[in-house]
Every structure is written in C-alpha cells, then in structure tokens.
Amino acid sequence: MKKTIVYAAAFTLATAVFSSASYVSANPNNHGNFNFDENAQIPPTPWRVVKQVFQLHIPKNQPPISQIIVEIPSTVAVSNDIAVRDEKKQKININISVDGKRIIIDFPEKNISNIMLFVEFNKVKQPTFGSASVYSFFAKVVGSDVEIPVGKARLSTL
C-alpha cells in the first residue's frame, strides 16, 4: 500500500514538473529575419540551478550562420555545459568561448541555415528571487563579422 502511494506521488510530481514549463513566444516573422519561437526554463521553479532552452529559427533565405553570440544577464552564471540541437534533437557540433558575460557559440561546419535550433544552457545558477533574466542574442553569418541582433529572451526567476 505504501509503495502504491509513493509511486502515485512521484508520478504526479514528475507530471507537474514536466508539464508546467514556462514558455515565451515571439511574434511570427514572415520577412526572412531571425526570430525566437519558444524559450523554456526547466524546472519552472525558483531553484538555484536550472536548465534554460532557447528555440531559434534560422530562416532559409539568409546565408548560413557561423556564430551565435549570447549576452548573459549579470544576475546569472551559465556553466560551459551548453548544447545545440536541431529540430530532430540531434546534437550539432559547436565550439564555445567566453568573453566576459558573452558566450560565443561557433559552428565549425558553417552550414547552419533553414533550421530550428535549440540552444540548451544546462546548470544555470540564478537567484531564487529578483527580477527576470534577460538574454540578448546575436548571430554572425558566414563571411561577415557583423553581429545581427536576433532578439531578447526574458525568463523569470519566480
């Protein structure tokens, strides 16, 4: 009897954690510009260490991107445990470098275009209370050093 209650409680908790992720959506963009589709913070609780996922659509009428640059808010610390996946959830080969509060994600194969990317920041340390964390995203296309503003993502600390 106790095992049944424990299993039921664990299942309920797991369902609540995985089904209540907070998402942020951007307006649809039909002009061929970069845009965010969704962002999530897992688990969606005021825990100090969280996983943050940003979904970024790379349009087909743009040159392939060579880098994504992320400006990290001063209130959080992002570990080097970062992954980038495609729409099939397969890992994409990346190189990561840090310049102060900027993370530079370099794509060595330089063929990232017409794709949905999921940028995963694992083990993000954030305060339990306080203002929302605002991330700024930029991209560089192959053959250019110009940083193109992609957008901002705002995740609450709860």
C-alpha atoms as a PDB file:
ATOM      1  CA  MET A   1       0.000   0.000   0.000  1.00  0.00           C
ATOM      2  CA  LYS A   2       2.815   2.424   0.892  1.00  0.00           C
ATOM      3  CA  LYS A   3       4.604   1.651  -2.386  1.00  0.00           C
ATOM      4  CA  THR A   4       1.468   2.482  -4.367  1.00  0.00           C
ATOM      5  CA  ILE A   5       1.113   5.841  -2.625  1.00  0.00           C
ATOM      6  CA  VAL A   6       4.807   6.649  -3.123  1.00  0.00           C
ATOM      7  CA  TYR A   7       4.629   5.730  -6.834  1.00  0.00           C
ATOM      8  CA  ALA A   8       1.460   7.787  -7.309  1.00  0.00           C
ATOM      9  CA  ALA A   9       3.024  10.806  -5.591  1.00  0.00           C
ATOM     10  CA  ALA A  10       6.221  10.517  -7.638  1.00  0.00           C
ATOM     11  CA  PHE A  11       4.251  10.235 -10.887  1.00  0.00           C
ATOM     12  CA  THR A  12       2.114  13.252 -10.001  1.00  0.00           C
ATOM     13  CA  LEU A  13       5.167  15.346  -9.119  1.00  0.00           C
ATOM     14  CA  ALA A  14       7.000  14.340 -12.315  1.00  0.00           C
ATOM     15  CA  THR A  15       3.942  15.157 -14.412  1.00  0.00           C
ATOM     16  CA  ALA A  16       3.571  18.561 -12.750  1.00  0.00           C
ATOM     17  CA  VAL A  17       7.258  19.425 -13.251  1.00  0.00           C
ATOM     18  CA  PHE A  18       7.422  18.404 -16.902  1.00  0.00           C
ATOM     19  CA  SER A  19       4.049  19.745 -17.979  1.00  0.00           C
ATOM     20  CA  SER A  20       4.281  23.192 -16.429  1.00  0.00           C
ATOM     21  CA  ALA A  21       7.370  24.586 -18.146  1.00  0.00           C
ATOM     22  CA  SER A  22       7.036  28.292 -18.822  1.00  0.00           C
ATOM     23  CA  TYR A  23       7.348  29.312 -22.454  1.00  0.00           C
ATOM     24  CA  VAL A  24       7.947  32.668 -24.061  1.00  0.00           C
ATOM     25  CA  SER A  25       6.832  33.173 -27.651  1.00  0.00           C
ATOM     26  CA  ALA A  26       7.753  35.790 -30.196  1.00  0.00           C
ATOM     27  CA  ASN A  27       5.534  37.100 -32.958  1.00  0.00           C
ATOM     28  CA  PRO A  28       5.679  35.108 -36.198  1.00  0.00           C
ATOM     29  CA  ASN A  29       8.171  36.537 -38.626  1.00  0.00           C
ATOM     30  CA  ASN A  30       7.462  36.090 -42.318  1.00  0.00           C
ATOM     31  CA  HIS A  31      10.069  38.590 -43.517  1.00  0.00           C
ATOM     32  CA  GLY A  32      13.032  36.210 -43.550  1.00  0.00           C
ATOM     33  CA  ASN A  33      14.550  37.537 -40.337  1.00  0.00           C
ATOM     34  CA  PHE A  34      15.826  35.544 -37.391  1.00  0.00           C
ATOM     35  CA  ASN A  35      13.316  35.063 -34.603  1.00  0.00           C
ATOM     36  CA  PHE A  36      12.615  33.157 -31.405  1.00  0.00           C
ATOM     37  CA  ASP A  37       9.843  30.608 -31.375  1.00  0.00           C
ATOM     38  CA  GLU A  38       9.937  29.418 -27.763  1.00  0.00           C
ATOM     39  CA  ASN A  39      12.059  29.520 -24.635  1.00  0.00           C
ATOM     40  CA  ALA A  40      11.745  27.336 -21.586  1.00  0.00           C
ATOM     41  CA  GLN A  41      13.234  27.022 -18.161  1.00  0.00           C
ATOM     42  CA  ILE A  42      13.253  23.541 -16.668  1.00  0.00           C
ATOM     43  CA  PRO A  43      12.222  23.043 -13.916  1.00  0.00           C
ATOM     44  CA  PRO A  44       9.935  26.079 -13.695  1.00  0.00           C
ATOM     45  CA  THR A  45      10.554  26.654 -10.014  1.00  0.00           C
ATOM     46  CA  PRO A  46      12.683  29.103  -8.024  1.00  0.00           C
ATOM     47  CA  TRP A  47      15.533  26.599  -7.748  1.00  0.00           C
ATOM     48  CA  ARG A  48      19.031  27.939  -7.886  1.00  0.00           C
ATOM     49  CA  VAL A  49      20.246  25.625 -10.667  1.00  0.00           C
ATOM     50  CA  VAL A  50      18.064  25.354 -13.760  1.00  0.00           C
ATOM     51  CA  LYS A  51      18.206  24.327 -17.397  1.00  0.00           C
ATOM     52  CA  GLN A  52      17.261  27.003 -19.916  1.00  0.00           C
ATOM     53  CA  VAL A  53      16.342  26.184 -23.519  1.00  0.00           C
ATOM     54  CA  PHE A  54      16.016  28.737 -26.294  1.00  0.00           C
ATOM     55  CA  GLN A  55      14.420  27.807 -29.608  1.00  0.00           C
ATOM     56  CA  LEU A  56      15.769  29.828 -32.519  1.00  0.00           C
ATOM     57  CA  HIS A  57      14.593  29.648 -36.131  1.00  0.00           C
ATOM     58  CA  ILE A  58      17.245  30.275 -38.786  1.00  0.00           C
ATOM     59  CA  PRO A  59      15.448  31.367 -42.000  1.00  0.00           C
ATOM     60  CA  LYS A  60      16.146  29.755 -45.346  1.00  0.00           C
ATOM     61  CA  ASN A  61      16.648  32.983 -47.303  1.00  0.00           C
ATOM     62  CA  GLN A  62      19.636  34.031 -45.158  1.00  0.00           C
ATOM     63  CA  PRO A  63      23.259  32.946 -45.587  1.00  0.00           C
ATOM     64  CA  PRO A  64      24.318  30.176 -43.194  1.00  0.00           C
ATOM     65  CA  ILE A  65      25.298  31.362 -39.740  1.00  0.00           C
ATOM     66  CA  SER A  66      28.778  30.912 -38.355  1.00  0.00           C
ATOM     67  CA  GLN A  67      28.161  32.024 -34.752  1.00  0.00           C
ATOM     68  CA  ILE A  68      25.521  32.761 -32.161  1.00  0.00           C
ATOM     69  CA  ILE A  69      26.521  35.280 -29.512  1.00  0.00           C
ATOM     70  CA  VAL A  70      24.584  35.372 -26.241  1.00  0.00           C
ATOM     71  CA  GLU A  71      24.840  38.226 -23.758  1.00  0.00           C
ATOM     72  CA  ILE A  72      24.252  36.750 -20.315  1.00  0.00           C
ATOM     73  CA  PRO A  73      22.481  38.785 -17.615  1.00  0.00           C
ATOM     74  CA  SER A  74      24.654  39.830 -14.687  1.00  0.00           C
ATOM     75  CA  THR A  75      22.316  38.019 -12.273  1.00  0.00           C
ATOM     76  CA  VAL A  76      23.051  34.508 -13.598  1.00  0.00           C
ATOM     77  CA  ALA A  77      26.050  32.247 -14.131  1.00  0.00           C
ATOM     78  CA  VAL A  78      25.976  29.898 -17.101  1.00  0.00           C
ATOM     79  CA  SER A  79      28.246  26.864 -16.967  1.00  0.00           C
ATOM     80  CA  ASN A  80      30.107  25.573 -20.001  1.00  0.00           C
ATOM     81  CA  ASP A  81      27.576  22.722 -20.161  1.00  0.00           C
ATOM     82  CA  ILE A  82      25.940  24.005 -23.351  1.00  0.00           C
ATOM     83  CA  ALA A  83      24.425  22.016 -26.189  1.00  0.00           C
ATOM     84  CA  VAL A  84      22.863  22.984 -29.505  1.00  0.00           C
ATOM     85  CA  ARG A  85      20.413  20.591 -31.153  1.00  0.00           C
ATOM     86  CA  ASP A  86      18.463  20.600 -34.404  1.00  0.00           C
ATOM     87  CA  GLU A  87      14.724  20.035 -34.813  1.00  0.00           C
ATOM     88  CA  LYS A  88      15.314  16.265 -34.663  1.00  0.00           C
ATOM     89  CA  LYS A  89      17.006  16.802 -31.257  1.00  0.00           C
ATOM     90  CA  GLN A  90      20.384  15.707 -32.660  1.00  0.00           C
ATOM     91  CA  LYS A  91      23.452  17.481 -31.279  1.00  0.00           C
ATOM     92  CA  ILE A  92      25.195  19.936 -33.560  1.00  0.00           C
ATOM     93  CA  ASN A  93      28.974  20.254 -33.422  1.00  0.00           C
ATOM     94  CA  ILE A  94      29.915  23.532 -31.681  1.00  0.00           C
ATOM     95  CA  ASN A  95      32.862  25.315 -30.139  1.00  0.00           C
ATOM     96  CA  ILE A  96      32.250  27.554 -27.132  1.00  0.00           C
ATOM     97  CA  SER A  97      34.232  30.551 -25.943  1.00  0.00           C
ATOM     98  CA  VAL A  98      33.507  33.108 -23.246  1.00  0.00           C
ATOM     99  CA  ASP A  99      34.246  36.831 -23.370  1.00  0.00           C
ATOM    100  CA  GLY A 100      33.106  38.350 -20.073  1.00  0.00           C
ATOM    101  CA  LYS A 101      29.319  37.972 -19.963  1.00  0.00           C
ATOM    102  CA  ARG A 102      29.157  36.934 -23.638  1.00  0.00           C
ATOM    103  CA  ILE A 103      29.067  33.335 -24.772  1.00  0.00           C
ATOM    104  CA  ILE A 104      30.149  32.742 -28.342  1.00  0.00           C
ATOM    105  CA  ILE A 105      28.819  29.559 -29.933  1.00  0.00           C
ATOM    106  CA  ASP A 106      30.805  28.822 -33.090  1.00  0.00           C
ATOM    107  CA  PHE A 107      29.640  26.364 -35.736  1.00  0.00           C
ATOM    108  CA  PRO A 108      32.818  24.895 -37.272  1.00  0.00           C
ATOM    109  CA  GLU A 109      30.947  23.272 -40.176  1.00  0.00           C
ATOM    110  CA  LYS A 110      29.453  26.670 -41.225  1.00  0.00           C
ATOM    111  CA  ASN A 111      26.331  25.092 -42.775  1.00  0.00           C
ATOM    112  CA  ILE A 112      23.652  26.218 -40.326  1.00  0.00           C
ATOM    113  CA  SER A 113      20.708  27.565 -42.346  1.00  0.00           C
ATOM    114  CA  ASN A 114      16.974  26.914 -42.745  1.00  0.00           C
ATOM    115  CA  ILE A 115      16.857  25.086 -39.427  1.00  0.00           C
ATOM    116  CA  MET A 116      15.301  25.225 -35.998  1.00  0.00           C
ATOM    117  CA  LEU A 117      17.972  25.325 -33.279  1.00  0.00           C
ATOM    118  CA  PHE A 118      17.556  24.522 -29.612  1.00  0.00           C
ATOM    119  CA  VAL A 119      20.259  26.223 -27.534  1.00  0.00           C
ATOM    120  CA  GLU A 120      20.439  24.477 -24.153  1.00  0.00           C
ATOM    121  CA  PHE A 121      22.117  26.082 -21.165  1.00  0.00           C
ATOM    122  CA  ASN A 122      22.445  23.324 -18.593  1.00  0.00           C
ATOM    123  CA  LYS A 123      23.254  24.118 -14.971  1.00  0.00           C
ATOM    124  CA  VAL A 124      22.425  27.833 -14.950  1.00  0.00           C
ATOM    125  CA  LYS A 125      22.810  29.349 -11.481  1.00  0.00           C
ATOM    126  CA  GLN A 126      20.306  32.087 -10.738  1.00  0.00           C
ATOM    127  CA  PRO A 127      18.991  33.819  -7.643  1.00  0.00           C
ATOM    128  CA  THR A 128      15.868  32.449  -6.017  1.00  0.00           C
ATOM    129  CA  PHE A 129      14.142  35.831  -6.060  1.00  0.00           C
ATOM    130  CA  GLY A 130      14.611  39.003  -8.050  1.00  0.00           C
ATOM    131  CA  SER A 131      13.969  40.449 -11.442  1.00  0.00           C
ATOM    132  CA  ALA A 132      13.711  38.440 -14.634  1.00  0.00           C
ATOM    133  CA  SER A 133      16.823  37.361 -16.512  1.00  0.00           C
ATOM    134  CA  VAL A 134      17.076  38.968 -19.958  1.00  0.00           C
ATOM    135  CA  TYR A 135      19.331  37.333 -22.550  1.00  0.00           C
ATOM    136  CA  SER A 136      20.316  39.120 -25.774  1.00  0.00           C
ATOM    137  CA  PHE A 137      21.049  37.014 -28.856  1.00  0.00           C
ATOM    138  CA  PHE A 138      23.078  37.940 -31.927  1.00  0.00           C
ATOM    139  CA  ALA A 139      24.187  35.963 -34.979  1.00  0.00           C
ATOM    140  CA  LYS A 140      27.022  36.210 -37.467  1.00  0.00           C
ATOM    141  CA  VAL A 141      26.595  34.874 -40.978  1.00  0.00           C
ATOM    142  CA  VAL A 142      29.335  33.125 -42.913  1.00  0.00           C
ATOM    143  CA  GLY A 143      31.706  35.655 -44.489  1.00  0.00           C
ATOM    144  CA  SER A 144      30.764  38.584 -42.228  1.00  0.00           C
ATOM    145  CA  ASP A 145      31.883  39.896 -38.847  1.00  0.00           C
ATOM    146  CA  VAL A 146      28.699  41.941 -38.354  1.00  0.00           C
ATOM    147  CA  GLU A 147      26.626  40.885 -35.334  1.00  0.00           C
ATOM    148  CA  ILE A 148      22.969  40.723 -36.371  1.00  0.00           C
ATOM    149  CA  PRO A 149      20.547  41.268 -33.466  1.00  0.00           C
ATOM    150  CA  VAL A 150      18.318  38.197 -33.169  1.00  0.00           C
ATOM    151  CA  GLY A 151      16.265  39.204 -30.169  1.00  0.00           C
ATOM    152  CA  LYS A 152      15.903  39.096 -26.423  1.00  0.00           C
ATOM    153  CA  ALA A 153      14.594  36.337 -24.210  1.00  0.00           C
ATOM    154  CA  ARG A 154      13.184  37.064 -20.771  1.00  0.00           C
ATOM    155  CA  LEU A 155      12.952  34.308 -18.169  1.00  0.00           C
ATOM    156  CA  SER A 156      11.504  34.961 -14.747  1.00  0.00           C
ATOM    157  CA  THR A 157      13.175  33.855 -11.540  1.00  0.00           C
ATOM    158  CA  LEU A 158       9.803  33.235  -9.846  1.00  0.00           C
END
